[in-house]
Amino acid sequence: MGRHKAILLGIIMLSAGISGARQADAQTFRTYRCADGTQFIVGFYDQDTRAFLQIDGQPATLAKRLTVSGTRYSGAGITLRIDKSGATTVKHLKRPITACTVIEKPAL
């Protein structure tokens, strides 16, 4: 599984156009499994407001959006919501909104 994470990290960084200096920024990656069977990995970087996803084998960069409570990211037909308690939902393309839970917190 470690090889897949390394490939994923490379794809995310290339899709976001991150420079070599950017790699030194603090980062957080989380793997989620959703009630409908969807699985995705999301990456966050300290000096960047975007979320970088790998979902259905495709990279996607989601912009942070205004919200009353919690955090919302959207783009490429995907909406990711994380409320203040950590409850997470994703709406992907024309699929209904589904609840998701963290299944792994990889150490990079």
Foldseek 3Di string as FASTA:
>chain_A
DVVVVVVVVVQQCVVVVPDPVQVPFDKWKFWKAWPVGWIKIWMDTDVAQWIWMQTPNDIDIWHWDDDPFFTWTDDPQKIWGQGPVRWIWMGHHPRDITTMDTDDTDDD
